[in-house]
């Protein structure tokens, strides 16, 4: 469990296209075996500490002739952003993928101050 001790809680969310590999013959569409796509996302404002980040697929376009396999996660979460990672394997062919994300954590407040 993540305890938030700040008087201010920040919530930021977004919706980002990760890739569209069918347009240019990218590896998610043409490849086989283990594949990974990683995209760094930056928050609009910094959090006081690394927030909890939830990611989910909001759109996927996959070939129906193969098994559908996908894993999406947030990695390297910091106060300023995170990496969203999409993985697939086997004979899965992914044309496009988009993710929706939400970060919740301690936020800065105008009344925050430090002596030094």
PDB file of N, CA and C in Angstrom:
ATOM      1  N   UNK A   1       0.831  -1.173   0.000  1.00  0.00           N
ATOM      2  CA  UNK A   1       0.000   0.000   0.000  1.00  0.00           C
ATOM      3  C   UNK A   1       0.876   1.236   0.000  1.00  0.00           C
ATOM      4  N   UNK A   2       0.488   2.215  -0.781  1.00  0.00           N
ATOM      5  CA  UNK A   2       1.195   3.488  -0.825  1.00  0.00           C
ATOM      6  C   UNK A   2       0.422   4.478   0.034  1.00  0.00           C
ATOM      7  N   UNK A   3       1.050   4.983   1.094  1.00  0.00           N
ATOM      8  CA  UNK A   3       0.426   5.983   1.947  1.00  0.00           C
ATOM      9  C   UNK A   3       0.812   7.361   1.451  1.00  0.00           C
ATOM     10  N   UNK A   4      -0.156   8.236   1.345  1.00  0.00           N
ATOM     11  CA  UNK A   4       0.085   9.602   0.890  1.00  0.00           C
ATOM     12  C   UNK A   4      -0.058  10.512   2.099  1.00  0.00           C
ATOM     13  N   UNK A   5       1.027  11.185   2.470  1.00  0.00           N
ATOM     14  CA  UNK A   5       1.036  12.000   3.675  1.00  0.00           C
ATOM     15  C   UNK A   5       0.900  13.491   3.384  1.00  0.00           C
ATOM     16  N   UNK A   6       0.815  13.874   2.166  1.00  0.00           N
ATOM     17  CA  UNK A   6       0.733  15.269   1.777  1.00  0.00           C
ATOM     18  C   UNK A   6      -0.677  15.813   1.984  1.00  0.00           C
ATOM     19  N   UNK A   7      -0.772  17.121   2.175  1.00  0.00           N
ATOM     20  CA  UNK A   7      -2.092  17.750   2.249  1.00  0.00           C
ATOM     21  C   UNK A   7      -2.700  17.876   0.859  1.00  0.00           C
ATOM     22  N   UNK A   8      -1.878  17.748  -0.162  1.00  0.00           N
ATOM     23  CA  UNK A   8      -2.359  17.855  -1.539  1.00  0.00           C
ATOM     24  C   UNK A   8      -2.098  16.563  -2.293  1.00  0.00           C
ATOM     25  N   UNK A   9      -3.115  16.069  -2.967  1.00  0.00           N
ATOM     26  CA  UNK A   9      -2.992  14.860  -3.775  1.00  0.00           C
ATOM     27  C   UNK A   9      -3.175  15.266  -5.230  1.00  0.00           C
ATOM     28  N   UNK A  10      -2.232  14.867  -6.054  1.00  0.00           N
ATOM     29  CA  UNK A  10      -2.309  15.165  -7.473  1.00  0.00           C
ATOM     30  C   UNK A  10      -2.745  13.944  -8.264  1.00  0.00           C
ATOM     31  N   UNK A  11      -3.582  14.187  -9.255  1.00  0.00           N
ATOM     32  CA  UNK A  11      -4.014  13.130 -10.173  1.00  0.00           C
ATOM     33  C   UNK A  11      -3.788  13.651 -11.580  1.00  0.00           C
ATOM     34  N   UNK A  12      -3.028  12.910 -12.350  1.00  0.00           N
ATOM     35  CA  UNK A  12      -2.802  13.272 -13.747  1.00  0.00           C
ATOM     36  C   UNK A  12      -3.100  12.055 -14.595  1.00  0.00           C
ATOM     37  N   UNK A  13      -3.642  12.290 -15.776  1.00  0.00           N
ATOM     38  CA  UNK A  13      -3.984  11.172 -16.643  1.00  0.00           C
ATOM     39  C   UNK A  13      -3.728  11.550 -18.094  1.00  0.00           C
ATOM     40  N   UNK A  14      -3.630  10.520 -18.920  1.00  0.00           N
ATOM     41  CA  UNK A  14      -3.391  10.756 -20.333  1.00  0.00           C
ATOM     42  C   UNK A  14      -3.774   9.565 -21.177  1.00  0.00           C
ATOM     43  N   UNK A  15      -3.720   9.776 -22.464  1.00  0.00           N
ATOM     44  CA  UNK A  15      -4.056   8.757 -23.454  1.00  0.00           C
ATOM     45  C   UNK A  15      -3.037   8.926 -24.579  1.00  0.00           C
ATOM     46  N   UNK A  16      -2.196   7.926 -24.806  1.00  0.00           N
ATOM     47  CA  UNK A  16      -1.092   8.063 -25.748  1.00  0.00           C
ATOM     48  C   UNK A  16      -1.009   6.885 -26.698  1.00  0.00           C
ATOM     49  N   UNK A  17      -0.790   7.175 -27.970  1.00  0.00           N
ATOM     50  CA  UNK A  17      -0.527   6.131 -28.957  1.00  0.00           C
ATOM     51  C   UNK A  17       0.902   5.645 -28.742  1.00  0.00           C
ATOM     52  N   UNK A  18       1.069   4.333 -28.566  1.00  0.00           N
ATOM     53  CA  UNK A  18       2.404   3.778 -28.373  1.00  0.00           C
ATOM     54  C   UNK A  18       3.098   3.528 -29.699  1.00  0.00           C
ATOM     55  N   UNK A  19       2.353   2.969 -30.641  1.00  0.00           N
ATOM     56  CA  UNK A  19       2.939   2.696 -31.950  1.00  0.00           C
ATOM     57  C   UNK A  19       1.839   2.400 -32.951  1.00  0.00           C
ATOM     58  N   UNK A  20       2.217   2.479 -34.219  1.00  0.00           N
ATOM     59  CA  UNK A  20       1.337   2.145 -35.337  1.00  0.00           C
ATOM     60  C   UNK A  20       2.206   1.455 -36.377  1.00  0.00           C
ATOM     61  N   UNK A  21       2.586   0.207 -36.097  1.00  0.00           N
ATOM     62  CA  UNK A  21       3.587  -0.502 -36.894  1.00  0.00           C
ATOM     63  C   UNK A  21       3.082  -1.033 -38.231  1.00  0.00           C
ATOM     64  N   UNK A  22       1.789  -1.144 -38.428  1.00  0.00           N
ATOM     65  CA  UNK A  22       1.296  -1.664 -39.705  1.00  0.00           C
ATOM     66  C   UNK A  22       1.559  -0.669 -40.837  1.00  0.00           C
ATOM     67  N   UNK A  23       1.682   0.618 -40.523  1.00  0.00           N
ATOM     68  CA  UNK A  23       1.886   1.649 -41.546  1.00  0.00           C
ATOM     69  C   UNK A  23       3.252   1.558 -42.216  1.00  0.00           C
ATOM     70  N   UNK A  24       4.266   1.172 -41.431  1.00  0.00           N
ATOM     71  CA  UNK A  24       5.624   1.160 -41.986  1.00  0.00           C
ATOM     72  C   UNK A  24       6.321  -0.193 -41.847  1.00  0.00           C
ATOM     73  N   UNK A  25       5.560  -1.252 -41.582  1.00  0.00           N
ATOM     74  CA  UNK A  25       6.163  -2.581 -41.485  1.00  0.00           C
ATOM     75  C   UNK A  25       7.024  -2.775 -40.263  1.00  0.00           C
ATOM     76  N   UNK A  26       6.664  -2.115 -39.150  1.00  0.00           N
ATOM     77  CA  UNK A  26       7.434  -2.207 -37.916  1.00  0.00           C
ATOM     78  C   UNK A  26       7.424  -3.601 -37.315  1.00  0.00           C
ATOM     79  N   UNK A  27       8.308  -3.827 -36.360  1.00  0.00           N
ATOM     80  CA  UNK A  27       8.554  -5.151 -35.790  1.00  0.00           C
ATOM     81  C   UNK A  27       7.342  -5.722 -35.047  1.00  0.00           C
ATOM     82  N   UNK A  28       6.499  -4.877 -34.468  1.00  0.00           N
ATOM     83  CA  UNK A  28       5.317  -5.408 -33.776  1.00  0.00           C
ATOM     84  C   UNK A  28       4.345  -6.038 -34.777  1.00  0.00           C
ATOM     85  N   UNK A  29       4.353  -5.566 -36.011  1.00  0.00           N
ATOM     86  CA  UNK A  29       3.467  -6.087 -37.046  1.00  0.00           C
ATOM     87  C   UNK A  29       4.115  -7.208 -37.848  1.00  0.00           C
ATOM     88  N   UNK A  30       5.399  -7.106 -38.128  1.00  0.00           N
ATOM     89  CA  UNK A  30       6.069  -8.065 -39.008  1.00  0.00           C
ATOM     90  C   UNK A  30       6.915  -9.096 -38.267  1.00  0.00           C
ATOM     91  N   UNK A  31       7.254  -8.847 -37.002  1.00  0.00           N
ATOM     92  CA  UNK A  31       8.168  -9.724 -36.276  1.00  0.00           C
ATOM     93  C   UNK A  31       7.475 -10.888 -35.598  1.00  0.00           C
ATOM     94  N   UNK A  32       8.302 -11.750 -35.010  1.00  0.00           N
ATOM     95  CA  UNK A  32       7.832 -12.876 -34.206  1.00  0.00           C
ATOM     96  C   UNK A  32       8.711 -12.978 -32.971  1.00  0.00           C
ATOM     97  N   UNK A  33       8.246 -13.748 -32.007  1.00  0.00           N
ATOM     98  CA  UNK A  33       9.009 -13.924 -30.775  1.00  0.00           C
ATOM     99  C   UNK A  33       8.819 -12.745 -29.838  1.00  0.00           C
ATOM    100  N   UNK A  34       9.685 -12.678 -28.832  1.00  0.00           N
ATOM    101  CA  UNK A  34       9.579 -11.626 -27.817  1.00  0.00           C
ATOM    102  C   UNK A  34       9.910 -10.267 -28.420  1.00  0.00           C
ATOM    103  N   UNK A  35       9.007  -9.324 -28.207  1.00  0.00           N
ATOM    104  CA  UNK A  35       9.194  -7.951 -28.679  1.00  0.00           C
ATOM    105  C   UNK A  35       8.739  -6.979 -27.607  1.00  0.00           C
ATOM    106  N   UNK A  36       9.340  -5.805 -27.586  1.00  0.00           N
ATOM    107  CA  UNK A  36       9.024  -4.799 -26.587  1.00  0.00           C
ATOM    108  C   UNK A  36       9.036  -3.415 -27.218  1.00  0.00           C
ATOM    109  N   UNK A  37       8.094  -2.594 -26.805  1.00  0.00           N
ATOM    110  CA  UNK A  37       8.077  -1.184 -27.196  1.00  0.00           C
ATOM    111  C   UNK A  37       7.986  -0.378 -25.914  1.00  0.00           C
ATOM    112  N   UNK A  38       8.867   0.609 -25.760  1.00  0.00           N
ATOM    113  CA  UNK A  38       8.957   1.422 -24.550  1.00  0.00           C
ATOM    114  C   UNK A  38       8.831   2.891 -24.945  1.00  0.00           C
ATOM    115  N   UNK A  39       8.035   3.640 -24.169  1.00  0.00           N
ATOM    116  CA  UNK A  39       7.855   5.065 -24.451  1.00  0.00           C
ATOM    117  C   UNK A  39       7.898   5.834 -23.138  1.00  0.00           C
ATOM    118  N   UNK A  40       8.751   6.845 -23.067  1.00  0.00           N
ATOM    119  CA  UNK A  40       8.841   7.697 -21.884  1.00  0.00           C
ATOM    120  C   UNK A  40       7.763   8.766 -21.917  1.00  0.00           C
ATOM    121  N   UNK A  41       7.057   8.915 -20.810  1.00  0.00           N
ATOM    122  CA  UNK A  41       6.020   9.937 -20.693  1.00  0.00           C
ATOM    123  C   UNK A  41       6.367  10.874 -19.537  1.00  0.00           C
ATOM    124  N   UNK A  42       6.156  12.158 -19.741  1.00  0.00           N
ATOM    125  CA  UNK A  42       6.492  13.180 -18.756  1.00  0.00           C
ATOM    126  C   UNK A  42       5.200  13.785 -18.199  1.00  0.00           C
ATOM    127  N   UNK A  43       5.141  13.934 -16.874  1.00  0.00           N
ATOM    128  CA  UNK A  43       3.991  14.568 -16.249  1.00  0.00           C
ATOM    129  C   UNK A  43       4.000  16.064 -16.538  1.00  0.00           C
ATOM    130  N   UNK A  44       2.831  16.681 -16.525  1.00  0.00           N
ATOM    131  CA  UNK A  44       2.713  18.130 -16.723  1.00  0.00           C
ATOM    132  C   UNK A  44       3.322  18.907 -15.564  1.00  0.00           C
ATOM    133  N   UNK A  45       3.244  18.360 -14.352  1.00  0.00           N
ATOM    134  CA  UNK A  45       3.860  18.927 -13.151  1.00  0.00           C
ATOM    135  C   UNK A  45       4.497  17.796 -12.365  1.00  0.00           C
ATOM    136  N   UNK A  46       5.570  18.117 -11.664  1.00  0.00           N
ATOM    137  CA  UNK A  46       6.243  17.105 -10.842  1.00  0.00           C
ATOM    138  C   UNK A  46       5.417  16.776  -9.603  1.00  0.00           C
ATOM    139  N   UNK A  47       5.522  15.529  -9.174  1.00  0.00           N
ATOM    140  CA  UNK A  47       4.958  15.096  -7.903  1.00  0.00           C
ATOM    141  C   UNK A  47       6.025  15.269  -6.825  1.00  0.00           C
ATOM    142  N   UNK A  48       5.633  15.272  -5.545  1.00  0.00           N
ATOM    143  CA  UNK A  48       6.588  15.347  -4.433  1.00  0.00           C
ATOM    144  C   UNK A  48       7.392  14.066  -4.310  1.00  0.00           C
ATOM    145  N   UNK A  49       6.747  12.938  -4.542  1.00  0.00           N
ATOM    146  CA  UNK A  49       7.402  11.632  -4.525  1.00  0.00           C
ATOM    147  C   UNK A  49       6.831  10.833  -5.693  1.00  0.00           C
ATOM    148  N   UNK A  50       7.461   9.726  -6.010  1.00  0.00           N
ATOM    149  CA  UNK A  50       7.000   8.924  -7.148  1.00  0.00           C
ATOM    150  C   UNK A  50       5.548   8.498  -6.921  1.00  0.00           C
ATOM    151  N   UNK A  51       4.656   8.809  -7.848  1.00  0.00           N
ATOM    152  CA  UNK A  51       3.241   8.459  -7.689  1.00  0.00           C
ATOM    153  C   UNK A  51       2.981   6.999  -8.026  1.00  0.00           C
ATOM    154  N   UNK A  52       1.795   6.549  -7.697  1.00  0.00           N
ATOM    155  CA  UNK A  52       1.307   5.249  -8.166  1.00  0.00           C
ATOM    156  C   UNK A  52       0.788   5.476  -9.582  1.00  0.00           C
ATOM    157  N   UNK A  53       1.191   4.629 -10.524  1.00  0.00           N
ATOM    158  CA  UNK A  53       0.782   4.790 -11.920  1.00  0.00           C
ATOM    159  C   UNK A  53       0.064   3.529 -12.373  1.00  0.00           C
ATOM    160  N   UNK A  54      -1.099   3.727 -12.971  1.00  0.00           N
ATOM    161  CA  UNK A  54      -1.897   2.643 -13.533  1.00  0.00           C
ATOM    162  C   UNK A  54      -1.947   2.833 -15.045  1.00  0.00           C
ATOM    163  N   UNK A  55      -1.674   1.778 -15.799  1.00  0.00           N
ATOM    164  CA  UNK A  55      -1.776   1.839 -17.260  1.00  0.00           C
ATOM    165  C   UNK A  55      -2.655   0.704 -17.765  1.00  0.00           C
ATOM    166  N   UNK A  56      -3.358   0.956 -18.843  1.00  0.00           N
ATOM    167  CA  UNK A  56      -4.197  -0.055 -19.467  1.00  0.00           C
ATOM    168  C   UNK A  56      -4.265   0.205 -20.966  1.00  0.00           C
ATOM    169  N   UNK A  57      -4.521  -0.825 -21.720  1.00  0.00           N
ATOM    170  CA  UNK A  57      -4.722  -0.647 -23.157  1.00  0.00           C
ATOM    171  C   UNK A  57      -6.077   0.010 -23.384  1.00  0.00           C
ATOM    172  N   UNK A  58      -6.105   1.087 -24.152  1.00  0.00           N
ATOM    173  CA  UNK A  58      -7.368   1.740 -24.481  1.00  0.00           C
ATOM    174  C   UNK A  58      -7.760   1.463 -25.929  1.00  0.00           C
ATOM    175  N   UNK A  59      -6.816   0.971 -26.715  1.00  0.00           N
ATOM    176  CA  UNK A  59      -7.101   0.552 -28.086  1.00  0.00           C
ATOM    177  C   UNK A  59      -5.999  -0.392 -28.523  1.00  0.00           C
ATOM    178  N   UNK A  60      -6.380  -1.503 -29.128  1.00  0.00           N
ATOM    179  CA  UNK A  60      -5.391  -2.371 -29.757  1.00  0.00           C
ATOM    180  C   UNK A  60      -5.987  -2.900 -31.042  1.00  0.00           C
ATOM    181  N   UNK A  61      -5.129  -3.044 -32.011  1.00  0.00           N
ATOM    182  CA  UNK A  61      -5.518  -3.533 -33.329  1.00  0.00           C
ATOM    183  C   UNK A  61      -4.571  -4.682 -33.636  1.00  0.00           C
ATOM    184  N   UNK A  62      -5.087  -5.921 -33.551  1.00  0.00           N
ATOM    185  CA  UNK A  62      -4.245  -7.100 -33.706  1.00  0.00           C
ATOM    186  C   UNK A  62      -4.777  -8.009 -34.797  1.00  0.00           C
ATOM    187  N   UNK A  63      -3.865  -8.722 -35.421  1.00  0.00           N
ATOM    188  CA  UNK A  63      -4.217  -9.681 -36.461  1.00  0.00           C
ATOM    189  C   UNK A  63      -5.038 -10.815 -35.843  1.00  0.00           C
ATOM    190  N   UNK A  64      -6.167 -11.137 -36.449  1.00  0.00           N
ATOM    191  CA  UNK A  64      -7.040 -12.177 -35.904  1.00  0.00           C
ATOM    192  C   UNK A  64      -6.582 -13.591 -36.285  1.00  0.00           C
ATOM    193  N   UNK A  65      -5.560 -13.716 -37.129  1.00  0.00           N
ATOM    194  CA  UNK A  65      -5.082 -15.029 -37.549  1.00  0.00           C
ATOM    195  C   UNK A  65      -4.087 -15.637 -36.560  1.00  0.00           C
ATOM    196  N   UNK A  66      -3.704 -14.872 -35.522  1.00  0.00           N
ATOM    197  CA  UNK A  66      -2.736 -15.364 -34.532  1.00  0.00           C
ATOM    198  C   UNK A  66      -3.294 -15.134 -33.131  1.00  0.00           C
ATOM    199  N   UNK A  67      -2.659 -15.755 -32.157  1.00  0.00           N
ATOM    200  CA  UNK A  67      -3.059 -15.535 -30.769  1.00  0.00           C
ATOM    201  C   UNK A  67      -2.797 -14.090 -30.366  1.00  0.00           C
ATOM    202  N   UNK A  68      -3.681 -13.548 -29.543  1.00  0.00           N
ATOM    203  CA  UNK A  68      -3.525 -12.187 -29.027  1.00  0.00           C
ATOM    204  C   UNK A  68      -2.812 -12.262 -27.688  1.00  0.00           C
ATOM    205  N   UNK A  69      -1.612 -11.677 -27.633  1.00  0.00           N
ATOM    206  CA  UNK A  69      -0.806 -11.697 -26.411  1.00  0.00           C
ATOM    207  C   UNK A  69      -0.286 -10.282 -26.177  1.00  0.00           C
ATOM    208  N   UNK A  70      -0.500  -9.755 -24.990  1.00  0.00           N
ATOM    209  CA  UNK A  70      -0.009  -8.411 -24.693  1.00  0.00           C
ATOM    210  C   UNK A  70       0.195  -8.251 -23.196  1.00  0.00           C
ATOM    211  N   UNK A  71       1.215  -7.506 -22.850  1.00  0.00           N
ATOM    212  CA  UNK A  71       1.503  -7.140 -21.474  1.00  0.00           C
ATOM    213  C   UNK A  71       1.861  -5.662 -21.493  1.00  0.00           C
ATOM    214  N   UNK A  72       1.175  -4.859 -20.689  1.00  0.00           N
ATOM    215  CA  UNK A  72       1.470  -3.426 -20.627  1.00  0.00           C
ATOM    216  C   UNK A  72       1.668  -3.043 -19.166  1.00  0.00           C
ATOM    217  N   UNK A  73       2.715  -2.252 -18.897  1.00  0.00           N
ATOM    218  CA  UNK A  73       3.059  -1.913 -17.520  1.00  0.00           C
ATOM    219  C   UNK A  73       3.770  -0.564 -17.473  1.00  0.00           C
ATOM    220  N   UNK A  74       3.807   0.025 -16.283  1.00  0.00           N
ATOM    221  CA  UNK A  74       4.578   1.245 -16.031  1.00  0.00           C
ATOM    222  C   UNK A  74       5.871   0.847 -15.333  1.00  0.00           C
ATOM    223  N   UNK A  75       6.991   1.353 -15.826  1.00  0.00           N
ATOM    224  CA  UNK A  75       8.296   1.085 -15.214  1.00  0.00           C
ATOM    225  C   UNK A  75       9.047   2.397 -15.045  1.00  0.00           C
ATOM    226  N   UNK A  76      10.052   2.393 -14.192  1.00  0.00           N
ATOM    227  CA  UNK A  76      10.912   3.556 -13.962  1.00  0.00           C
ATOM    228  C   UNK A  76      10.105   4.796 -13.586  1.00  0.00           C
ATOM    229  N   UNK A  77       9.155   4.640 -12.672  1.00  0.00           N
ATOM    230  CA  UNK A  77       8.313   5.758 -12.243  1.00  0.00           C
ATOM    231  C   UNK A  77       9.128   6.689 -11.357  1.00  0.00           C
ATOM    232  N   UNK A  78       9.130   7.977 -11.701  1.00  0.00           N
ATOM    233  CA  UNK A  78       9.808   9.009 -10.917  1.00  0.00           C
ATOM    234  C   UNK A  78       8.820  10.140 -10.639  1.00  0.00           C
ATOM    235  N   UNK A  79       9.281  11.182  -9.997  1.00  0.00           N
ATOM    236  CA  UNK A  79       8.425  12.334  -9.713  1.00  0.00           C
ATOM    237  C   UNK A  79       8.055  13.099 -10.975  1.00  0.00           C
ATOM    238  N   UNK A  80       8.794  12.902 -12.054  1.00  0.00           N
ATOM    239  CA  UNK A  80       8.571  13.678 -13.280  1.00  0.00           C
ATOM    240  C   UNK A  80       7.986  12.883 -14.437  1.00  0.00           C
ATOM    241  N   UNK A  81       7.945  11.557 -14.342  1.00  0.00           N
ATOM    242  CA  UNK A  81       7.404  10.768 -15.445  1.00  0.00           C
ATOM    243  C   UNK A  81       7.625   9.279 -15.246  1.00  0.00           C
ATOM    244  N   UNK A  82       7.401   8.519 -16.316  1.00  0.00           N
ATOM    245  CA  UNK A  82       7.546   7.067 -16.259  1.00  0.00           C
ATOM    246  C   UNK A  82       7.688   6.518 -17.670  1.00  0.00           C
ATOM    247  N   UNK A  83       8.090   5.257 -17.759  1.00  0.00           N
ATOM    248  CA  UNK A  83       8.129   4.537 -19.029  1.00  0.00           C
ATOM    249  C   UNK A  83       6.934   3.607 -19.092  1.00  0.00           C
ATOM    250  N   UNK A  84       6.185   3.666 -20.181  1.00  0.00           N
ATOM    251  CA  UNK A  84       5.154   2.680 -20.413  1.00  0.00           C
ATOM    252  C   UNK A  84       5.781   1.621 -21.312  1.00  0.00           C
ATOM    253  N   UNK A  85       5.577   0.355 -20.962  1.00  0.00           N
ATOM    254  CA  UNK A  85       6.209  -0.740 -21.691  1.00  0.00           C
ATOM    255  C   UNK A  85       5.124  -1.694 -22.194  1.00  0.00           C
ATOM    256  N   UNK A  86       5.155  -1.962 -23.492  1.00  0.00           N
ATOM    257  CA  UNK A  86       4.250  -2.911 -24.123  1.00  0.00           C
ATOM    258  C   UNK A  86       5.088  -4.083 -24.596  1.00  0.00           C
ATOM    259  N   UNK A  87       4.672  -5.298 -24.229  1.00  0.00           N
ATOM    260  CA  UNK A  87       5.394  -6.491 -24.648  1.00  0.00           C
ATOM    261  C   UNK A  87       4.430  -7.475 -25.303  1.00  0.00           C
ATOM    262  N   UNK A  88       4.941  -8.199 -26.281  1.00  0.00           N
ATOM    263  CA  UNK A  88       4.207  -9.302 -26.879  1.00  0.00           C
ATOM    264  C   UNK A  88       5.203 -10.397 -27.227  1.00  0.00           C
ATOM    265  N   UNK A  89       4.720 -11.561 -27.654  1.00  0.00           N
ATOM    266  CA  UNK A  89       5.599 -12.699 -27.932  1.00  0.00           C
ATOM    267  C   UNK A  89       4.891 -13.660 -28.874  1.00  0.00           C
ATOM    268  N   UNK A  90       5.617 -14.687 -29.256  1.00  0.00           N
ATOM    269  CA  UNK A  90       5.058 -15.711 -30.145  1.00  0.00           C
ATOM    270  C   UNK A  90       4.759 -15.146 -31.524  1.00  0.00           C
ATOM    271  N   UNK A  91       3.642 -15.594 -32.111  1.00  0.00           N
ATOM    272  CA  UNK A  91       3.289 -15.168 -33.464  1.00  0.00           C
ATOM    273  C   UNK A  91       2.313 -13.992 -33.481  1.00  0.00           C
ATOM    274  N   UNK A  92       2.068 -13.368 -32.338  1.00  0.00           N
ATOM    275  CA  UNK A  92       1.150 -12.233 -32.262  1.00  0.00           C
ATOM    276  C   UNK A  92       1.610 -11.102 -33.168  1.00  0.00           C
ATOM    277  N   UNK A  93       0.656 -10.534 -33.911  1.00  0.00           N
ATOM    278  CA  UNK A  93       0.932  -9.399 -34.800  1.00  0.00           C
ATOM    279  C   UNK A  93       0.081  -8.221 -34.338  1.00  0.00           C
ATOM    280  N   UNK A  94       0.765  -7.150 -33.915  1.00  0.00           N
ATOM    281  CA  UNK A  94       0.086  -5.970 -33.391  1.00  0.00           C
ATOM    282  C   UNK A  94       0.254  -4.826 -34.380  1.00  0.00           C
ATOM    283  N   UNK A  95      -0.859  -4.354 -34.905  1.00  0.00           N
ATOM    284  CA  UNK A  95      -0.821  -3.246 -35.858  1.00  0.00           C
ATOM    285  C   UNK A  95      -0.659  -1.913 -35.135  1.00  0.00           C
ATOM    286  N   UNK A  96      -1.473  -1.698 -34.106  1.00  0.00           N
ATOM    287  CA  UNK A  96      -1.454  -0.431 -33.365  1.00  0.00           C
ATOM    288  C   UNK A  96      -1.802  -0.681 -31.910  1.00  0.00           C
ATOM    289  N   UNK A  97      -1.331   0.214 -31.044  1.00  0.00           N
ATOM    290  CA  UNK A  97      -1.696   0.144 -29.628  1.00  0.00           C
ATOM    291  C   UNK A  97      -1.704   1.549 -29.040  1.00  0.00           C
ATOM    292  N   UNK A  98      -2.696   1.787 -28.191  1.00  0.00           N
ATOM    293  CA  UNK A  98      -2.807   3.049 -27.460  1.00  0.00           C
ATOM    294  C   UNK A  98      -3.058   2.699 -25.996  1.00  0.00           C
ATOM    295  N   UNK A  99      -2.505   3.501 -25.095  1.00  0.00           N
ATOM    296  CA  UNK A  99      -2.703   3.264 -23.671  1.00  0.00           C
ATOM    297  C   UNK A  99      -3.354   4.477 -23.008  1.00  0.00           C
ATOM    298  N   UNK A 100      -4.061   4.185 -21.927  1.00  0.00           N
ATOM    299  CA  UNK A 100      -4.598   5.224 -21.053  1.00  0.00           C
ATOM    300  C   UNK A 100      -3.901   5.030 -19.708  1.00  0.00           C
ATOM    301  N   UNK A 101      -3.514   6.133 -19.078  1.00  0.00           N
ATOM    302  CA  UNK A 101      -2.790   6.026 -17.824  1.00  0.00           C
ATOM    303  C   UNK A 101      -3.303   7.041 -16.799  1.00  0.00           C
ATOM    304  N   UNK A 102      -3.030   6.739 -15.516  1.00  0.00           N
ATOM    305  CA  UNK A 102      -3.378   7.644 -14.429  1.00  0.00           C
ATOM    306  C   UNK A 102      -2.302   7.561 -13.357  1.00  0.00           C
ATOM    307  N   UNK A 103      -1.844   8.725 -12.911  1.00  0.00           N
ATOM    308  CA  UNK A 103      -0.856   8.812 -11.836  1.00  0.00           C
ATOM    309  C   UNK A 103      -1.505   9.531 -10.653  1.00  0.00           C
ATOM    310  N   UNK A 104      -1.344   8.948  -9.457  1.00  0.00           N
ATOM    311  CA  UNK A 104      -1.912   9.528  -8.238  1.00  0.00           C
ATOM    312  C   UNK A 104      -0.804   9.576  -7.192  1.00  0.00           C
ATOM    313  N   UNK A 105      -0.574  10.764  -6.620  1.00  0.00           N
ATOM    314  CA  UNK A 105       0.474  10.871  -5.618  1.00  0.00           C
ATOM    315  C   UNK A 105       0.500  12.212  -4.915  1.00  0.00           C
ATOM    316  N   UNK A 106       1.492  12.361  -4.049  1.00  0.00           N
ATOM    317  CA  UNK A 106       1.663  13.602  -3.295  1.00  0.00           C
ATOM    318  C   UNK A 106       2.022  14.735  -4.256  1.00  0.00           C
ATOM    319  N   UNK A 107       1.291  15.844  -4.116  1.00  0.00           N
ATOM    320  CA  UNK A 107       1.516  16.985  -4.997  1.00  0.00           C
ATOM    321  C   UNK A 107       2.033  18.179  -4.197  1.00  0.00           C
ATOM    322  N   UNK A 108       2.725  19.052  -4.904  1.00  0.00           N
ATOM    323  CA  UNK A 108       3.159  20.292  -4.276  1.00  0.00           C
ATOM    324  C   UNK A 108       1.968  21.223  -4.113  1.00  0.00           C
ATOM    325  N   UNK A 109       2.022  22.045  -3.050  1.00  0.00           N
ATOM    326  CA  UNK A 109       0.968  23.014  -2.771  1.00  0.00           C
ATOM    327  C   UNK A 109       1.627  24.368  -2.559  1.00  0.00           C
ATOM    328  N   UNK A 110       0.917  25.425  -2.877  1.00  0.00           N
ATOM    329  CA  UNK A 110       1.495  26.767  -2.745  1.00  0.00           C
ATOM    330  C   UNK A 110       1.870  27.114  -1.309  1.00  0.00           C
ATOM    331  N   UNK A 111       1.267  26.443  -0.336  1.00  0.00           N
ATOM    332  CA  UNK A 111       1.600  26.698   1.066  1.00  0.00           C
ATOM    333  C   UNK A 111       2.806  25.886   1.553  1.00  0.00           C
ATOM    334  N   UNK A 112       3.350  25.019   0.734  1.00  0.00           N
ATOM    335  CA  UNK A 112       4.554  24.262   1.103  1.00  0.00           C
ATOM    336  C   UNK A 112       5.744  25.221   1.160  1.00  0.00           C
ATOM    337  N   UNK A 113       6.582  25.067   2.180  1.00  0.00           N
ATOM    338  CA  UNK A 113       7.794  25.863   2.266  1.00  0.00           C
ATOM    339  C   UNK A 113       8.830  25.105   3.063  1.00  0.00           C
ATOM    340  N   UNK A 114      10.061  25.494   2.862  1.00  0.00           N
ATOM    341  CA  UNK A 114      11.177  24.865   3.569  1.00  0.00           C
ATOM    342  C   UNK A 114      12.048  25.972   4.163  1.00  0.00           C
ATOM    343  N   UNK A 115      12.661  25.709   5.325  1.00  0.00           N
ATOM    344  CA  UNK A 115      13.551  26.688   5.938  1.00  0.00           C
ATOM    345  C   UNK A 115      14.838  26.839   5.158  1.00  0.00           C
ATOM    346  N   UNK A 116      15.380  25.739   4.641  1.00  0.00           N
ATOM    347  CA  UNK A 116      16.669  25.801   3.955  1.00  0.00           C
ATOM    348  C   UNK A 116      16.585  25.057   2.657  1.00  0.00           C
TER     349      UNK A 116
END
